[in-house]
Amino acid sequence: MKDIMIMNVKKIAFGAAVVFFAGLASAQTLQDGINSIDSDKYAQAKINFTEMVSKAPTAENYFYLGNTYLKQGEPDYAKAIESFNKGLAADNKSYLNKIGLATVKLGKGDKSAIAEIQKIVADSREKDAEVLFRAAEALTLFEKNNAPDAAIQFLTKAVEKAEKKGVPAHYYYTLGDAYRIKRAPGEAMSAYDKALPLAKNKASVYTRMGTLWMAAQLWKNAKESIDKAIGVDATYAPAYKALASYDIRYQQNAKATQDLINYTKYADEDPYTQLEIAKLYFTNEDYANSKIVLDKIFDKIDDPIKFKLRAYQSFADGNYADAKQNMDTFVSQAEKTRIQPADQGLQGLIAAGLAKTETDAAKKTALTTEAQQKVAIAKAAKDETMKWDIELANIAGGGASQAEAEKGPTTPEIEALKKKVAANKEDSDSLFKLATAYQDVKNWNGAILAWQKMSALLPDWAPAYYSQGYSYQQAGNNDAAKLAYEKFISTVKPADAEANKQTLAYAYFAVAYMNKDSDTAKAKDYVAKSLQLDPTYQDAVKLNAAINK
């Protein structure tokens, strides 16, 4: 899921803040808290800052505690507001806590907070580098609500003020974040380069460089930077989250699972961090682990996004009623700005699932209409969280499920191969043999699932899509078969077209045949392409004659 797997810069690692050492708080305790945030150890950071507040309930200490709740994967606005208000009670002129409250507004989608933050900075007369820095940080914190130009302006001034004592590395971190939001990757990398020699933990900088390369789709550079991060600090949790995103991109599910195990090991048990892990497991199609993690922390978090994730999990299990209940709860409780096109797409798929078993004709029609309209919203937004067409086709045609595959025919060879694949999900040779063994005994559900796994493992290997199409066709799911054959056609490389001539001819014919009654123009186009490849293909010759009378 795209909106579940987004590597928002605020979730990677923000560097240590310049701090006011107040009351009895020691520098080491404060630095420990800052380092914990940087390492995705939010529970530990909250403990540190809570102890600081108990020793010295100053406005600054309340700000750092409240800010922790904004920096975690899913912000806890209520607890942040509580802490910032206590900070203002301690000092009603506290610019930091005023920025904190404005940041909450910005996070909730109120863009008037941008002007409010700028006014707070103006009221401070721009004398304090920390106020300038925190204002800039606030303006880079949220993916959809930000102001990178203003952030760059504030950070430039903060750098100037800090030059006499030495510019902290995190000023450059955040400057890089602002430039990447502005879609200026060259300036962003330059800022990260400046941070590198200053940073005590260079893993933080290398991780940011890696995610920037990923955003630019320069995957080799991304992997090199992430490997450097782990090389300098093998316990730096955010690097493993970045590596998981890299491996998910390449559909290396087994590797991504190991990355997430490492991330879990080096982050901490903060419920919101665990929620991020559950989302990443889901993105990696590891639904079992996603559910285990979410079940463990479901009652410990207040954010309604937990209902959305549970809805996705229920949908994956084919439990459409439960998925609808959870999605409805999410939509009713979440800020409207948090409802994504993918969420409406999921609502559409759930409606399609419910329509399949609905016996009341009017309700069935209403659900079918809702399904088409809401999936269209996700597709119009070019959202790729799910394969919308194939999901609809699977629902309509009774898509392959593991339960159905288990009910189908099997052999000792199939059972042995299942164990080999389970032991090593990257064993493409065993997966190929398993898929063909399923086909040999006409267990089409098993074959479909095995070929789908092969496509996930080797996304550029066209024959797997052809075999999916054939298996779907044999299972009677023509809608899914058409999509798989189309994927095969688009995946065959020009250099391989000659070697795949016969299968391409059949794929074009199959799509034409399945469209002959619903889309005559497409059927004519595709049967012509089939005959171009093989003029002697008799089924195509007959179909061509029939539809061109």
Protein backbone atom coordinates (compact mmCIF):
# COMPACT_ATOMS: atom_id res chain seq x y z
CA MET A 1 0.00 0.00 0.00
CA LYS A 2 1.56 3.27 -1.17
CA ASP A 3 0.27 5.53 1.59
CA ILE A 4 1.10 2.70 4.15
CA MET A 5 4.85 2.31 2.76
CA ILE A 6 5.74 6.15 2.09
CA MET A 7 9.18 7.00 3.49
CA ASN A 8 8.23 10.45 4.74
CA VAL A 9 11.42 12.33 5.60
CA LYS A 10 10.16 13.05 9.11
CA LYS A 11 10.07 9.33 9.81
CA ILE A 12 13.66 8.60 8.84
CA ALA A 13 15.75 10.47 11.37
CA PHE A 14 15.95 14.05 12.50
CA GLY A 15 19.19 15.11 14.08
CA ALA A 16 19.88 16.40 17.52
CA ALA A 17 18.53 19.81 18.44
CA VAL A 18 20.41 22.73 19.87
CA VAL A 19 19.05 22.83 23.39
CA PHE A 20 18.67 25.06 26.41
CA PHE A 21 20.23 23.32 29.38
CA ALA A 22 17.79 24.29 32.10
CA GLY A 23 17.45 23.53 35.79
CA LEU A 24 18.75 20.18 36.91
CA ALA A 25 18.62 18.52 33.48
CA SER A 26 22.02 17.27 32.45
CA ALA A 27 23.35 17.64 28.91
CA GLN A 28 23.85 13.91 28.66
CA THR A 29 20.23 13.12 29.54
CA LEU A 30 18.96 15.61 26.99
CA GLN A 31 21.34 14.34 24.33
CA ASP A 32 20.23 10.78 25.07
CA GLY A 33 16.63 11.80 24.39
CA ILE A 34 17.56 13.53 21.13
CA ASN A 35 19.60 10.52 20.03
CA SER A 36 16.65 8.23 20.82
CA ILE A 37 14.37 10.22 18.50
CA ASP A 38 17.05 10.08 15.81
CA SER A 39 17.16 6.28 16.18
CA ASP A 40 13.36 5.71 16.19
CA LYS A 41 13.41 4.94 19.92
CA TYR A 42 10.47 7.14 20.80
CA ALA A 43 9.52 5.32 23.99
CA GLN A 44 13.02 5.91 25.35
CA ALA A 45 12.93 9.55 24.23
CA LYS A 46 9.65 10.10 26.09
CA ILE A 47 11.13 8.59 29.24
CA ASN A 48 14.15 10.88 28.99
CA PHE A 49 12.16 14.04 28.42
CA THR A 50 9.57 13.14 31.07
CA GLU A 51 12.40 12.75 33.59
CA MET A 52 13.77 16.12 32.54
CA VAL A 53 10.37 17.75 33.03
CA SER A 54 10.03 16.18 36.48
CA LYS A 55 13.42 17.57 37.49
CA ALA A 56 12.96 20.96 35.84
CA PRO A 57 9.45 21.80 34.55
CA THR A 58 10.69 24.54 32.20
CA ALA A 59 9.04 25.70 28.99
CA GLU A 60 11.92 24.28 26.94
CA ASN A 61 11.68 20.81 28.51
CA TYR A 62 7.93 20.68 27.93
CA PHE A 63 8.54 21.62 24.30
CA TYR A 64 11.03 18.77 23.76
CA LEU A 65 8.62 16.27 25.29
CA GLY A 66 5.71 17.53 23.19
CA ASN A 67 7.82 17.58 20.04
CA THR A 68 8.60 13.88 20.50
CA TYR A 69 4.90 13.11 20.02
CA LEU A 70 4.97 15.01 16.72
CA LYS A 71 8.09 13.27 15.44
CA GLN A 72 6.91 9.67 15.92
CA GLY A 73 5.58 7.77 12.89
CA GLU A 74 1.95 8.77 13.52
CA PRO A 75 1.75 12.02 15.53
CA ASP A 76 -0.16 12.00 18.84
CA TYR A 77 -1.55 15.51 18.64
CA ALA A 78 -3.46 15.37 21.96
CA LYS A 79 -0.37 14.55 24.02
CA ALA A 80 1.71 17.09 22.08
CA ILE A 81 -0.85 19.84 22.76
CA GLU A 82 -0.96 18.94 26.45
CA SER A 83 2.80 19.29 26.75
CA PHE A 84 3.02 22.54 24.75
CA ASN A 85 0.26 24.12 26.85
CA LYS A 86 2.16 23.21 30.02
CA GLY A 87 5.22 24.85 28.49
CA LEU A 88 3.26 28.04 27.88
CA ALA A 89 1.92 27.92 31.42
CA ALA A 90 5.53 27.88 32.61
CA ASP A 91 6.44 30.77 30.26
CA ASN A 92 3.66 32.46 28.31
CA LYS A 93 6.21 34.02 25.94
CA SER A 94 7.77 30.68 24.96
CA TYR A 95 8.28 30.89 21.20
CA LEU A 96 9.14 27.19 21.04
CA ASN A 97 5.81 26.06 22.51
CA LYS A 98 3.93 28.54 20.32
CA ILE A 99 5.66 26.93 17.34
CA GLY A 100 4.69 23.54 18.76
CA LEU A 101 0.98 24.41 18.86
CA ALA A 102 1.11 25.89 15.36
CA THR A 103 2.83 22.70 14.17
CA VAL A 104 -0.10 20.66 15.45
CA LYS A 105 -2.47 22.81 13.39
CA LEU A 106 -0.27 22.33 10.34
CA GLY A 107 -0.16 18.58 10.85
CA LYS A 108 -3.94 18.51 10.95
CA GLY A 109 -4.11 20.24 7.58
CA ASP A 110 -4.65 23.88 8.60
CA LYS A 111 -2.23 25.69 6.29
CA SER A 112 -2.87 29.02 8.00
CA ALA A 113 -0.38 27.66 10.53
CA ILE A 114 2.41 28.42 8.03
CA ALA A 115 1.76 32.17 8.38
CA GLU A 116 1.37 31.70 12.13
CA ILE A 117 4.82 30.10 12.39
CA GLN A 118 6.31 32.89 10.29
CA LYS A 119 4.75 35.49 12.64
CA ILE A 120 6.15 33.71 15.71
CA VAL A 121 9.61 33.88 14.14
CA ALA A 122 9.10 37.58 13.36
CA ASP A 123 7.98 38.23 16.96
CA SER A 124 11.17 36.56 18.18
CA ARG A 125 13.13 39.10 16.07
CA GLU A 126 15.07 36.13 14.68
CA LYS A 127 17.59 36.38 17.52
CA ASP A 128 17.51 32.73 18.53
CA ALA A 129 18.92 30.06 16.21
CA GLU A 130 16.91 27.38 18.03
CA VAL A 131 13.61 29.17 17.31
CA LEU A 132 14.62 29.54 13.66
CA PHE A 133 15.57 25.87 13.49
CA ARG A 134 12.36 24.60 15.13
CA ALA A 135 10.23 26.78 12.87
CA ALA A 136 12.01 25.33 9.84
CA GLU A 137 11.67 21.80 11.18
CA ALA A 138 7.91 22.33 11.63
CA LEU A 139 7.64 23.48 8.02
CA THR A 140 9.31 20.29 6.75
CA LEU A 141 7.63 17.79 9.07
CA PHE A 142 4.49 16.85 7.16
CA GLU A 143 4.35 15.32 3.72
CA LYS A 144 1.32 17.25 2.45
CA ASN A 145 1.40 20.36 4.63
CA ASN A 146 4.74 22.12 4.41
CA ALA A 147 6.51 25.26 3.25
CA PRO A 148 10.03 24.38 2.08
CA ASP A 149 10.91 27.88 0.82
CA ALA A 150 10.22 29.46 4.23
CA ALA A 151 12.07 26.59 5.93
CA ILE A 152 15.13 27.17 3.72
CA GLN A 153 15.02 30.88 4.55
CA PHE A 154 14.89 30.22 8.32
CA LEU A 155 17.61 27.58 8.17
CA THR A 156 19.91 29.82 6.18
CA LYS A 157 19.60 32.43 8.95
CA ALA A 158 20.06 29.77 11.64
CA VAL A 159 23.28 28.63 9.94
CA GLU A 160 24.58 32.22 9.86
CA LYS A 161 23.87 32.68 13.58
CA ALA A 162 25.57 29.40 14.45
CA GLU A 163 28.75 29.88 12.40
CA LYS A 164 30.78 31.43 15.24
CA LYS A 165 30.26 28.42 17.52
CA GLY A 166 30.07 25.87 14.70
CA VAL A 167 27.00 24.87 12.71
CA PRO A 168 25.32 21.74 14.16
CA ALA A 169 24.96 18.86 11.72
CA HIS A 170 21.19 18.74 12.14
CA TYR A 171 20.81 22.24 10.65
CA TYR A 172 22.14 20.79 7.41
CA TYR A 173 20.02 17.61 7.79
CA THR A 174 16.87 19.68 7.93
CA LEU A 175 18.05 21.99 5.14
CA GLY A 176 18.45 18.88 2.99
CA ASP A 177 14.92 17.76 3.96
CA ALA A 178 13.54 21.16 2.91
CA TYR A 179 15.27 20.99 -0.45
CA ARG A 180 14.04 17.44 -1.11
CA ILE A 181 10.45 18.57 -0.40
CA LYS A 182 11.09 21.41 -2.87
CA ARG A 183 12.18 18.73 -5.35
CA ALA A 184 15.69 20.11 -5.59
CA PRO A 185 17.72 16.90 -5.12
CA GLY A 186 21.08 18.48 -6.00
CA GLU A 187 20.78 21.11 -3.25
CA ALA A 188 19.46 18.48 -0.85
CA MET A 189 22.46 16.20 -1.41
CA SER A 190 24.79 19.19 -1.04
CA ALA A 191 23.25 19.95 2.36
CA TYR A 192 23.65 16.31 3.43
CA ASP A 193 27.27 16.41 2.25
CA LYS A 194 27.85 19.39 4.57
CA ALA A 195 26.26 17.49 7.47
CA LEU A 196 28.42 14.40 6.99
CA PRO A 197 31.74 15.61 8.50
CA LEU A 198 29.87 17.31 11.38
CA ALA A 199 27.63 14.40 12.36
CA LYS A 200 28.57 12.28 15.37
CA ASN A 201 26.50 9.42 13.94
CA LYS A 202 27.14 9.39 10.21
CA ALA A 203 24.57 6.60 9.75
CA SER A 204 21.86 9.24 10.04
CA VAL A 205 23.30 11.21 7.12
CA TYR A 206 23.96 8.16 4.95
CA THR A 207 20.38 6.95 5.55
CA ARG A 208 19.01 10.29 4.40
CA MET A 209 21.24 10.18 1.34
CA GLY A 210 19.97 6.69 0.61
CA THR A 211 16.32 7.67 0.79
CA LEU A 212 17.01 10.71 -1.40
CA TRP A 213 18.59 8.46 -4.04
CA MET A 214 15.53 6.20 -3.76
CA ALA A 215 13.22 9.17 -4.35
CA ALA A 216 15.26 9.92 -7.49
CA GLN A 217 14.97 6.23 -8.48
CA LEU A 218 18.75 5.89 -8.54
CA TRP A 219 18.63 2.52 -6.85
CA LYS A 220 22.31 1.54 -7.05
CA ASN A 221 23.35 4.78 -5.32
CA ALA A 222 20.56 4.30 -2.76
CA LYS A 223 21.77 0.82 -1.83
CA GLU A 224 25.39 2.01 -1.54
CA SER A 225 24.39 4.81 0.87
CA ILE A 226 22.22 2.52 3.01
CA ASP A 227 25.01 -0.05 3.15
CA LYS A 228 27.37 2.72 4.33
CA ALA A 229 24.89 3.66 7.06
CA ILE A 230 24.75 0.10 8.36
CA GLY A 231 28.52 -0.18 7.94
CA VAL A 232 29.19 2.74 10.31
CA ASP A 233 26.44 1.78 12.77
CA ALA A 234 24.87 -1.66 12.48
CA THR A 235 22.40 -0.78 15.28
CA TYR A 236 20.91 2.28 13.56
CA ALA A 237 17.25 1.29 13.15
CA PRO A 238 16.14 3.80 10.45
CA ALA A 239 18.71 2.38 8.03
CA TYR A 240 16.93 -0.98 8.15
CA LYS A 241 13.57 0.70 7.51
CA ALA A 242 15.10 2.35 4.43
CA LEU A 243 16.61 -0.99 3.37
CA ALA A 244 13.18 -2.65 3.77
CA SER A 245 11.68 -0.08 1.41
CA TYR A 246 14.49 -0.77 -1.07
CA ASP A 247 13.91 -4.54 -0.91
CA ILE A 248 10.12 -4.12 -1.12
CA ARG A 249 10.68 -2.02 -4.27
CA TYR A 250 12.56 -4.97 -5.78
CA GLN A 251 9.93 -7.38 -4.41
CA GLN A 252 12.58 -9.16 -2.36
CA ASN A 253 10.04 -10.17 0.26
CA ALA A 254 12.26 -12.49 2.26
CA LYS A 255 15.01 -9.86 2.49
CA ALA A 256 12.49 -7.17 3.43
CA THR A 257 11.16 -9.35 6.23
CA GLN A 258 14.70 -9.72 7.61
CA ASP A 259 15.17 -5.94 7.35
CA LEU A 260 12.01 -5.42 9.39
CA ILE A 261 13.15 -7.96 11.98
CA ASN A 262 16.38 -5.93 12.32
CA TYR A 263 14.44 -2.65 12.47
CA THR A 264 12.29 -4.10 15.27
CA LYS A 265 15.41 -5.25 17.08
CA TYR A 266 17.10 -1.84 17.06
CA ALA A 267 14.07 0.47 17.38
CA ASP A 268 11.99 0.17 20.54
CA GLU A 269 8.61 -1.03 21.74
CA ASP A 270 6.87 2.33 21.40
CA PRO A 271 3.35 1.46 20.12
CA TYR A 272 3.53 3.98 17.29
CA THR A 273 6.85 2.60 16.11
CA GLN A 274 5.29 -0.87 16.16
CA LEU A 275 2.40 0.50 14.08
CA GLU A 276 4.94 1.59 11.45
CA ILE A 277 6.37 -1.93 11.49
CA ALA A 278 2.88 -3.44 11.02
CA LYS A 279 2.34 -1.15 8.01
CA LEU A 280 5.66 -2.12 6.46
CA TYR A 281 4.96 -5.83 6.98
CA PHE A 282 1.65 -5.34 5.18
CA THR A 283 3.36 -3.55 2.30
CA ASN A 284 5.69 -6.53 2.09
CA GLU A 285 2.60 -8.80 1.77
CA ASP A 286 3.56 -10.43 5.05
CA TYR A 287 0.00 -10.29 6.36
CA ALA A 288 0.54 -12.76 9.20
CA ASN A 289 3.32 -10.71 10.83
CA SER A 290 1.43 -7.48 10.15
CA LYS A 291 -1.58 -8.83 12.05
CA ILE A 292 0.54 -10.14 14.94
CA VAL A 293 2.18 -6.74 15.43
CA LEU A 294 -1.08 -4.79 15.08
CA ASP A 295 -2.94 -7.08 17.51
CA LYS A 296 -0.19 -6.52 20.07
CA ILE A 297 -0.52 -2.72 20.07
CA PHE A 298 -4.09 -2.14 18.86
CA ASP A 299 -5.43 -1.09 22.27
CA LYS A 300 -2.35 0.98 23.08
CA ILE A 301 -2.72 3.52 20.28
CA ASP A 302 -5.42 6.11 19.76
CA ASP A 303 -4.74 7.00 16.15
CA PRO A 304 -7.63 5.86 13.90
CA ILE A 305 -5.15 4.67 11.27
CA LYS A 306 -5.13 1.38 13.20
CA PHE A 307 -8.64 0.74 11.86
CA LYS A 308 -7.47 1.36 8.28
CA LEU A 309 -4.66 -1.15 8.63
CA ARG A 310 -7.04 -3.70 10.14
CA ALA A 311 -9.41 -3.08 7.22
CA TYR A 312 -6.63 -3.91 4.75
CA GLN A 313 -5.80 -7.06 6.72
CA SER A 314 -9.44 -8.17 6.76
CA PHE A 315 -9.75 -7.48 3.04
CA ALA A 316 -6.66 -9.61 2.39
CA ASP A 317 -8.40 -12.43 4.33
CA GLY A 318 -11.59 -11.99 2.27
CA ASN A 319 -13.53 -10.84 5.34
CA TYR A 320 -15.34 -7.97 3.62
CA ALA A 321 -17.86 -7.24 6.38
CA ASP A 322 -15.11 -6.77 8.97
CA ALA A 323 -13.07 -4.75 6.47
CA LYS A 324 -16.04 -2.42 5.89
CA GLN A 325 -16.65 -1.96 9.62
CA ASN A 326 -13.03 -1.01 10.24
CA MET A 327 -12.81 1.25 7.19
CA ASP A 328 -16.02 3.03 8.20
CA THR A 329 -14.58 3.59 11.68
CA PHE A 330 -11.37 5.02 10.23
CA VAL A 331 -13.23 7.40 7.92
CA SER A 332 -15.54 8.58 10.72
CA GLN A 333 -12.68 9.27 13.16
CA ALA A 334 -9.81 10.47 10.96
CA GLU A 335 -9.20 14.06 9.92
CA LYS A 336 -10.73 14.47 6.45
CA THR A 337 -7.34 15.50 5.04
CA ARG A 338 -6.06 12.01 5.89
CA ILE A 339 -8.53 10.21 3.60
CA GLN A 340 -6.49 9.13 0.57
CA PRO A 341 -7.60 8.03 -2.93
CA ALA A 342 -6.33 4.57 -1.98
CA ASP A 343 -8.76 4.52 0.96
CA GLN A 344 -11.65 5.17 -1.41
CA GLY A 345 -10.29 2.50 -3.72
CA LEU A 346 -10.26 0.02 -0.86
CA GLN A 347 -13.84 0.97 0.01
CA GLY A 348 -14.69 0.20 -3.61
CA LEU A 349 -13.05 -3.24 -3.47
CA ILE A 350 -14.84 -4.00 -0.20
CA ALA A 351 -18.15 -3.00 -1.82
CA ALA A 352 -17.38 -5.34 -4.74
CA GLY A 353 -16.72 -8.16 -2.27
CA LEU A 354 -19.98 -7.52 -0.44
CA ALA A 355 -21.90 -7.28 -3.73
CA LYS A 356 -20.87 -10.79 -4.67
CA THR A 357 -22.90 -12.39 -1.86
CA GLU A 358 -25.69 -9.79 -1.64
CA THR A 359 -29.07 -11.35 -2.47
CA ASP A 360 -31.14 -8.15 -2.54
CA ALA A 361 -31.04 -6.94 -6.18
CA ALA A 362 -31.23 -3.22 -5.35
CA LYS A 363 -28.48 -3.45 -2.72
CA LYS A 364 -26.32 -5.51 -5.06
CA THR A 365 -26.63 -2.87 -7.79
CA ALA A 366 -25.83 -0.06 -5.33
CA LEU A 367 -22.74 -1.91 -4.06
CA THR A 368 -21.55 -2.63 -7.61
CA THR A 369 -21.97 1.03 -8.56
CA GLU A 370 -20.08 2.14 -5.44
CA ALA A 371 -17.28 -0.31 -6.26
CA GLN A 372 -16.86 1.07 -9.78
CA GLN A 373 -17.00 4.72 -8.68
CA LYS A 374 -14.57 4.43 -5.78
CA VAL A 375 -12.02 2.27 -7.59
CA ALA A 376 -12.18 4.82 -10.42
CA ILE A 377 -11.16 7.54 -7.93
CA ALA A 378 -8.01 5.61 -6.97
CA LYS A 379 -7.16 4.87 -10.62
CA ALA A 380 -7.74 8.50 -11.66
CA ALA A 381 -5.28 9.57 -8.94
CA LYS A 382 -2.80 7.07 -10.46
CA ASP A 383 -2.62 5.39 -7.07
CA GLU A 384 -0.69 2.11 -7.11
CA THR A 385 -1.34 0.97 -3.56
CA MET A 386 -3.14 -2.06 -4.95
CA LYS A 387 -3.56 -3.62 -8.38
CA TRP A 388 -7.11 -2.30 -8.68
CA ASP A 389 -8.20 -4.09 -11.86
CA ILE A 390 -6.76 -7.45 -10.89
CA GLU A 391 -8.30 -7.18 -7.40
CA LEU A 392 -11.73 -6.49 -8.94
CA ALA A 393 -11.26 -9.37 -11.35
CA ASN A 394 -10.27 -11.69 -8.51
CA ILE A 395 -13.33 -10.72 -6.50
CA ALA A 396 -15.64 -11.18 -9.49
CA GLY A 397 -14.10 -14.48 -10.54
CA GLY A 398 -13.37 -15.91 -7.11
CA GLY A 399 -9.67 -15.09 -7.04
CA ALA A 400 -7.21 -17.76 -6.03
CA SER A 401 -6.78 -18.24 -2.30
CA GLN A 402 -4.49 -20.47 -0.28
CA ALA A 403 -7.52 -22.16 1.27
CA GLU A 404 -8.86 -23.10 -2.18
CA ALA A 405 -5.44 -24.27 -3.30
CA GLU A 406 -5.22 -26.55 -0.24
CA LYS A 407 -8.58 -28.10 -1.17
CA GLY A 408 -7.38 -28.90 -4.69
CA PRO A 409 -5.45 -31.91 -6.02
CA THR A 410 -1.94 -32.50 -4.71
CA THR A 411 0.93 -34.97 -5.03
CA PRO A 412 3.96 -35.90 -2.90
CA GLU A 413 6.04 -33.77 -5.30
CA ILE A 414 3.84 -30.72 -4.65
CA GLU A 415 4.02 -31.19 -0.88
CA ALA A 416 7.82 -31.50 -0.98
CA LEU A 417 8.15 -28.40 -3.18
CA LYS A 418 5.82 -26.41 -0.88
CA LYS A 419 8.21 -27.10 2.00
CA LYS A 420 11.23 -26.05 -0.06
CA VAL A 421 9.56 -22.77 -1.10
CA ALA A 422 8.44 -22.08 2.46
CA ALA A 423 12.03 -22.57 3.66
CA ASN A 424 13.45 -20.26 0.98
CA LYS A 425 11.04 -17.82 -0.66
CA GLU A 426 13.73 -16.79 -3.16
CA ASP A 427 14.16 -20.32 -4.56
CA SER A 428 12.83 -19.51 -8.03
CA ASP A 429 13.70 -22.97 -9.39
CA SER A 430 11.53 -24.73 -6.78
CA LEU A 431 8.78 -22.14 -7.25
CA PHE A 432 8.76 -22.80 -11.01
CA LYS A 433 8.56 -26.54 -10.41
CA LEU A 434 5.75 -26.05 -7.87
CA ALA A 435 3.71 -23.93 -10.29
CA THR A 436 4.07 -26.44 -13.13
CA ALA A 437 3.31 -29.36 -10.76
CA TYR A 438 0.08 -27.63 -9.75
CA GLN A 439 -0.79 -27.19 -13.43
CA ASP A 440 -0.08 -30.87 -14.12
CA VAL A 441 -2.78 -31.92 -11.62
CA LYS A 442 -5.10 -29.06 -12.70
CA ASN A 443 -4.96 -27.35 -9.29
CA TRP A 444 -5.43 -23.95 -10.91
CA ASN A 445 -5.69 -22.01 -7.64
CA GLY A 446 -2.34 -23.40 -6.53
CA ALA A 447 -0.82 -22.64 -9.93
CA ILE A 448 -2.09 -19.05 -9.90
CA LEU A 449 -0.64 -18.39 -6.45
CA ALA A 450 2.71 -19.95 -7.36
CA TRP A 451 2.98 -17.96 -10.61
CA GLN A 452 2.06 -14.77 -8.73
CA LYS A 453 4.92 -15.44 -6.31
CA MET A 454 7.22 -16.01 -9.25
CA SER A 455 6.20 -12.63 -10.70
CA ALA A 456 6.87 -10.99 -7.34
CA LEU A 457 10.30 -12.62 -7.23
CA LEU A 458 11.15 -11.92 -10.89
CA PRO A 459 8.91 -9.03 -12.00
CA ASP A 460 10.58 -8.69 -15.41
CA TRP A 461 10.23 -12.39 -16.32
CA ALA A 462 7.34 -12.34 -18.81
CA PRO A 463 6.49 -16.10 -18.97
CA ALA A 464 5.16 -16.02 -15.39
CA TYR A 465 2.43 -13.58 -16.46
CA TYR A 466 1.51 -15.78 -19.43
CA SER A 467 1.22 -18.78 -17.12
CA GLN A 468 -0.94 -16.77 -14.73
CA GLY A 469 -3.22 -15.90 -17.64
CA TYR A 470 -3.47 -19.53 -18.70
CA SER A 471 -4.18 -20.70 -15.13
CA TYR A 472 -6.82 -18.00 -14.58
CA GLN A 473 -8.42 -18.97 -17.90
CA GLN A 474 -8.55 -22.63 -16.91
CA ALA A 475 -10.05 -21.63 -13.55
CA GLY A 476 -12.80 -19.75 -15.39
CA ASN A 477 -11.73 -16.25 -14.33
CA ASN A 478 -11.54 -14.58 -17.72
CA ASP A 479 -11.32 -11.02 -16.36
CA ALA A 480 -8.16 -11.85 -14.42
CA ALA A 481 -6.84 -13.92 -17.32
CA LYS A 482 -7.15 -10.93 -19.68
CA LEU A 483 -5.17 -8.72 -17.31
CA ALA A 484 -2.44 -11.34 -16.89
CA TYR A 485 -2.12 -11.87 -20.66
CA GLU A 486 -1.93 -8.07 -21.16
CA LYS A 487 0.83 -7.92 -18.54
CA PHE A 488 2.69 -10.68 -20.39
CA ILE A 489 2.40 -8.76 -23.68
CA SER A 490 3.69 -5.53 -22.13
CA THR A 491 6.55 -7.27 -20.27
CA VAL A 492 8.06 -9.14 -23.24
CA LYS A 493 11.17 -7.19 -24.27
CA PRO A 494 11.56 -6.35 -27.99
CA ALA A 495 14.73 -8.44 -28.11
CA ASP A 496 12.75 -11.47 -26.87
CA ALA A 497 9.72 -10.99 -29.14
CA GLU A 498 10.88 -13.49 -31.76
CA ALA A 499 11.55 -16.21 -29.19
CA ASN A 500 8.09 -15.61 -27.69
CA LYS A 501 6.29 -15.36 -31.04
CA GLN A 502 3.87 -18.27 -30.54
CA THR A 503 2.94 -17.40 -26.97
CA LEU A 504 2.47 -13.75 -27.92
CA ALA A 505 0.17 -14.84 -30.76
CA TYR A 506 -1.92 -16.88 -28.34
CA ALA A 507 -1.98 -14.12 -25.71
CA TYR A 508 -3.25 -11.60 -28.27
CA PHE A 509 -5.83 -14.14 -29.49
CA ALA A 510 -6.98 -14.95 -25.94
CA VAL A 511 -7.54 -11.28 -25.07
CA ALA A 512 -9.33 -10.76 -28.40
CA TYR A 513 -11.58 -13.78 -27.82
CA MET A 514 -12.48 -12.69 -24.28
CA ASN A 515 -13.34 -9.19 -25.56
CA LYS A 516 -15.31 -10.21 -28.65
CA ASP A 517 -18.69 -9.58 -27.01
CA SER A 518 -17.77 -6.62 -24.79
CA ASP A 519 -15.18 -4.61 -26.76
CA THR A 520 -15.31 -5.39 -30.47
CA ALA A 521 -12.75 -2.72 -31.43
CA LYS A 522 -10.16 -4.16 -29.07
CA ALA A 523 -10.97 -7.71 -30.18
CA LYS A 524 -10.38 -6.73 -33.84
CA ASP A 525 -7.11 -4.98 -32.98
CA TYR A 526 -5.76 -7.88 -30.92
CA VAL A 527 -6.76 -10.66 -33.31
CA ALA A 528 -5.01 -8.71 -36.11
CA LYS A 529 -1.86 -8.57 -33.97
CA SER A 530 -2.15 -12.30 -33.34
CA LEU A 531 -2.31 -13.02 -37.05
CA GLN A 532 0.61 -10.69 -37.72
CA LEU A 533 2.70 -12.92 -35.48
CA ASP A 534 1.29 -16.19 -36.85
CA PRO A 535 -0.86 -15.95 -40.02
CA THR A 536 -1.49 -19.73 -39.88
CA TYR A 537 -3.05 -19.71 -36.39
CA GLN A 538 -6.46 -21.21 -37.24
CA ASP A 539 -8.35 -20.12 -34.11
CA ALA A 540 -7.29 -16.53 -34.77
CA VAL A 541 -8.20 -16.87 -38.48
CA LYS A 542 -11.72 -18.05 -37.53
CA LEU A 543 -12.19 -15.34 -34.88
CA ASN A 544 -10.99 -12.67 -37.29
CA ALA A 545 -13.52 -13.83 -39.90
CA ALA A 546 -16.33 -13.93 -37.34
CA ILE A 547 -15.84 -10.43 -35.97
CA ASN A 548 -15.12 -8.78 -39.32
CA LYS A 549 -18.23 -9.96 -41.18
